[in-house]
Amino acid sequence: KMHLLFGLVTYAEGKLGLEPVRSQGHVHKRSVYAKGWSTPEVYQIWSGRAVIYMQERADGDPGRCFAVYAQPGDVVVVPPFWAHATISADPNMPLTFGAWCDRDYGFEYVKVRAYKGLAWYPVLEGEGKLSWRFNENYVKTKLIEKDPGEYPVFRIEQGISIYSQFEKDPEKFLFVPMPFVHKESWQNFIP
């Protein structure tokens, strides 16, 4: 009824060549329920370590690019329309996370694939240390590496289960299927 979907994902430990286990870069498709908006996603890391990589656009100029490093309990919000990928930051342990997304979610890969991936991609060097390489198919941008932000406008509490927060206040996550209600909050958003 609220058009919300809660998902749970586990990535196996390991790597793919020099790259960590990760999702394919994508943008969430536009939702009819969201009045044509692409919908945001709310992640919470349960075990392992993650990097949520995101860039403002999936075209030649990716705009601002962020690599948000998250530990168990951390919450990370990906804004509507942003291209993103979820990355396991430690090849020696599985990564498990939960996420709120729109029930009508879907992924668009066309633009990201046209540029042969996202603007920045992770590689594992030496003893599994994560480093970043720029994808030369994009206009050069700076990668901002950071810890998760605080999200007071959405009333999300770090360190508390996002599912428990929903149980206490089901309307807290309505911004996911209805991102247009926080239109101003997405402008110059910092994850």
Protein backbone atom coordinates (compact mmCIF):
# COMPACT_ATOMS: atom_id res chain seq x y z
CA LYS A 1 0.00 0.00 0.00
CA MET A 2 2.90 2.40 0.76
CA HIS A 3 4.74 1.31 -2.39
CA LEU A 4 7.84 0.38 -0.38
CA LEU A 5 10.02 -2.69 -0.80
CA PHE A 6 12.61 -3.87 1.73
CA GLY A 7 15.39 -5.99 0.30
CA LEU A 8 18.28 -7.91 1.79
CA VAL A 9 21.44 -8.68 -0.20
CA THR A 10 24.60 -10.64 0.61
CA TYR A 11 27.72 -10.49 -1.55
CA ALA A 12 30.19 -13.36 -1.28
CA GLU A 13 33.73 -12.67 -0.17
CA GLY A 14 36.36 -12.54 -2.90
CA LYS A 15 37.12 -10.49 -5.97
CA LEU A 16 36.71 -10.53 -9.74
CA GLY A 17 40.21 -10.14 -11.17
CA LEU A 18 41.45 -6.88 -9.65
CA GLU A 19 37.95 -5.63 -8.84
CA PRO A 20 35.96 -6.12 -5.64
CA VAL A 21 32.56 -7.83 -5.73
CA ARG A 22 30.02 -5.15 -6.60
CA SER A 23 26.77 -4.38 -8.33
CA GLN A 24 26.71 -3.17 -11.89
CA GLY A 25 26.38 0.61 -12.17
CA HIS A 26 22.81 1.69 -12.79
CA VAL A 27 20.15 4.36 -12.36
CA HIS A 28 16.73 3.56 -10.94
CA LYS A 29 14.06 3.71 -13.61
CA ARG A 30 11.44 6.40 -13.48
CA SER A 31 8.37 5.32 -11.56
CA VAL A 32 4.78 6.10 -12.48
CA TYR A 33 3.94 6.09 -8.76
CA ALA A 34 6.74 8.64 -8.19
CA LYS A 35 5.23 10.95 -10.82
CA GLY A 36 8.01 10.21 -13.30
CA TRP A 37 10.88 10.60 -10.84
CA SER A 38 13.67 8.10 -10.54
CA THR A 39 13.50 6.88 -6.96
CA PRO A 40 16.11 7.09 -4.18
CA GLU A 41 17.39 4.13 -2.19
CA VAL A 42 18.22 3.84 1.51
CA TYR A 43 20.97 1.36 2.42
CA GLN A 44 22.04 0.05 5.79
CA ILE A 45 25.13 -2.10 6.15
CA TRP A 46 24.61 -5.11 8.40
CA SER A 47 27.97 -6.90 8.15
CA GLY A 48 31.18 -6.43 6.23
CA ARG A 49 32.31 -3.11 4.84
CA ALA A 50 30.84 -1.30 1.85
CA VAL A 51 31.40 1.60 -0.45
CA ILE A 52 28.32 3.11 -2.03
CA TYR A 53 29.65 4.85 -5.13
CA MET A 54 27.37 7.44 -6.75
CA GLN A 55 27.53 10.14 -9.40
CA GLU A 56 24.97 12.81 -10.26
CA ARG A 57 24.51 11.83 -13.88
CA ALA A 58 25.03 8.85 -16.18
CA ASP A 59 26.27 10.81 -19.16
CA GLY A 60 29.53 12.36 -20.39
CA ASP A 61 29.74 14.82 -17.49
CA PRO A 62 28.99 12.76 -14.37
CA GLY A 63 28.79 15.79 -12.07
CA ARG A 64 29.79 15.25 -8.46
CA CYS A 65 31.11 11.78 -7.68
CA PHE A 66 31.11 10.27 -4.18
CA ALA A 67 32.54 7.11 -2.65
CA VAL A 68 30.76 6.69 0.70
CA TYR A 69 32.51 4.23 3.03
CA ALA A 70 30.06 2.43 5.29
CA GLN A 71 30.43 0.08 8.27
CA PRO A 72 27.82 -2.09 10.02
CA GLY A 73 24.97 0.10 11.24
CA ASP A 74 25.70 2.94 8.80
CA VAL A 75 22.91 4.31 6.61
CA VAL A 76 23.56 5.76 3.14
CA VAL A 77 20.96 7.49 0.96
CA VAL A 78 21.32 7.50 -2.84
CA PRO A 79 19.35 10.41 -4.38
CA PRO A 80 16.88 10.06 -7.25
CA PHE A 81 18.34 10.02 -10.78
CA TRP A 82 21.91 9.33 -9.58
CA ALA A 83 23.95 6.49 -11.10
CA HIS A 84 25.36 4.23 -8.40
CA ALA A 85 26.87 0.88 -7.44
CA THR A 86 27.28 -1.03 -4.19
CA ILE A 87 30.80 -2.32 -3.59
CA SER A 88 32.22 -4.80 -1.09
CA ALA A 89 35.19 -2.96 0.46
CA ASP A 90 36.81 -6.04 2.01
CA PRO A 91 37.47 -9.07 -0.22
CA ASN A 92 38.06 -11.26 2.85
CA MET A 93 34.52 -11.11 4.19
CA PRO A 94 30.94 -11.21 2.86
CA LEU A 95 28.94 -7.98 2.71
CA THR A 96 25.31 -7.97 3.85
CA PHE A 97 22.99 -4.99 3.67
CA GLY A 98 19.31 -4.10 3.78
CA ALA A 99 17.71 -1.43 1.61
CA TRP A 100 14.45 0.45 1.19
CA CYS A 101 13.44 1.08 -2.40
CA ASP A 102 10.32 1.75 -4.42
CA ARG A 103 8.13 -1.32 -4.96
CA ASP A 104 8.11 -0.53 -8.68
CA TYR A 105 11.91 -0.34 -8.83
CA GLY A 106 13.89 -1.29 -11.88
CA PHE A 107 17.35 -0.61 -13.17
CA GLU A 108 18.47 1.31 -16.24
CA TYR A 109 21.88 0.30 -17.58
CA VAL A 110 21.91 1.80 -21.09
CA LYS A 111 23.69 5.09 -20.34
CA VAL A 112 26.20 3.55 -17.92
CA ARG A 113 27.03 0.81 -20.42
CA ALA A 114 27.41 3.40 -23.21
CA TYR A 115 30.27 4.92 -21.16
CA LYS A 116 31.70 1.48 -20.31
CA GLY A 117 30.80 1.78 -16.62
CA LEU A 118 30.66 4.54 -14.07
CA ALA A 119 33.09 7.49 -13.96
CA TRP A 120 35.20 5.94 -11.18
CA TYR A 121 35.71 2.26 -10.50
CA PRO A 122 37.41 0.42 -7.66
CA VAL A 123 40.38 -1.93 -7.91
CA LEU A 124 42.09 -3.98 -5.23
CA GLU A 125 45.80 -3.47 -4.85
CA GLY A 126 48.41 -5.15 -2.68
CA GLU A 127 46.80 -6.73 0.34
CA GLY A 128 43.24 -5.98 -0.73
CA LYS A 129 43.51 -2.19 -0.37
CA LEU A 130 40.81 -0.42 -2.36
CA SER A 131 41.88 2.31 -4.79
CA TRP A 132 40.07 4.17 -7.55
CA ARG A 133 40.64 4.54 -11.27
CA PHE A 134 39.02 7.09 -13.51
CA ASN A 135 37.04 5.97 -16.57
CA GLU A 136 38.47 8.07 -19.43
CA ASN A 137 35.13 7.95 -21.29
CA TYR A 138 33.87 10.73 -18.99
CA VAL A 139 34.74 14.38 -18.47
CA LYS A 140 37.34 14.35 -15.69
CA THR A 141 35.89 14.95 -12.23
CA LYS A 142 37.10 14.75 -8.67
CA LEU A 143 36.15 11.74 -6.54
CA ILE A 144 34.98 12.76 -3.06
CA GLU A 145 35.66 9.98 -0.55
CA LYS A 146 33.69 10.31 2.69
CA ASP A 147 31.85 8.67 5.56
CA PRO A 148 28.03 8.51 5.50
CA GLY A 149 26.25 11.78 6.11
CA GLU A 150 23.49 12.59 8.55
CA TYR A 151 20.00 12.81 7.09
CA PRO A 152 17.96 14.99 9.47
CA VAL A 153 15.55 16.10 6.73
CA PHE A 154 14.46 12.45 6.40
CA ARG A 155 14.59 11.84 10.19
CA ILE A 156 16.82 8.76 9.67
CA GLU A 157 18.84 7.68 12.69
CA GLN A 158 22.30 6.21 12.15
CA GLY A 159 23.01 2.95 13.99
CA ILE A 160 19.34 1.98 14.36
CA SER A 161 17.84 -0.63 12.05
CA ILE A 162 16.08 1.06 9.14
CA TYR A 163 13.45 -1.67 9.34
CA SER A 164 12.87 -0.95 13.06
CA GLN A 165 12.63 2.76 12.24
CA PHE A 166 9.93 1.90 9.70
CA GLU A 167 8.05 -0.21 12.25
CA LYS A 168 8.00 2.72 14.70
CA ASP A 169 7.12 5.31 12.04
CA PRO A 170 5.99 3.79 8.71
CA GLU A 171 5.70 7.18 7.03
CA LYS A 172 9.38 7.99 7.67
CA PHE A 173 10.43 6.28 4.42
CA LEU A 174 7.65 7.61 2.17
CA PHE A 175 10.24 9.86 0.54
CA VAL A 176 11.54 6.72 -1.22
CA PRO A 177 8.46 6.06 -3.40
CA MET A 178 7.56 9.79 -3.38
CA PRO A 179 10.88 11.67 -3.78
CA PHE A 180 9.09 14.75 -5.10
CA VAL A 181 7.87 15.59 -1.56
CA HIS A 182 11.48 16.52 -0.74
CA LYS A 183 12.25 18.23 -4.04
CA GLU A 184 14.39 20.94 -2.42
CA SER A 185 16.36 18.42 -0.34
CA TRP A 186 17.77 16.71 -3.44
CA GLN A 187 19.30 19.92 -4.80
CA ASN A 188 23.02 19.95 -3.92
CA PHE A 189 22.48 16.76 -1.88
CA ILE A 190 25.57 15.42 -0.11
CA PRO A 191 25.34 11.72 0.75
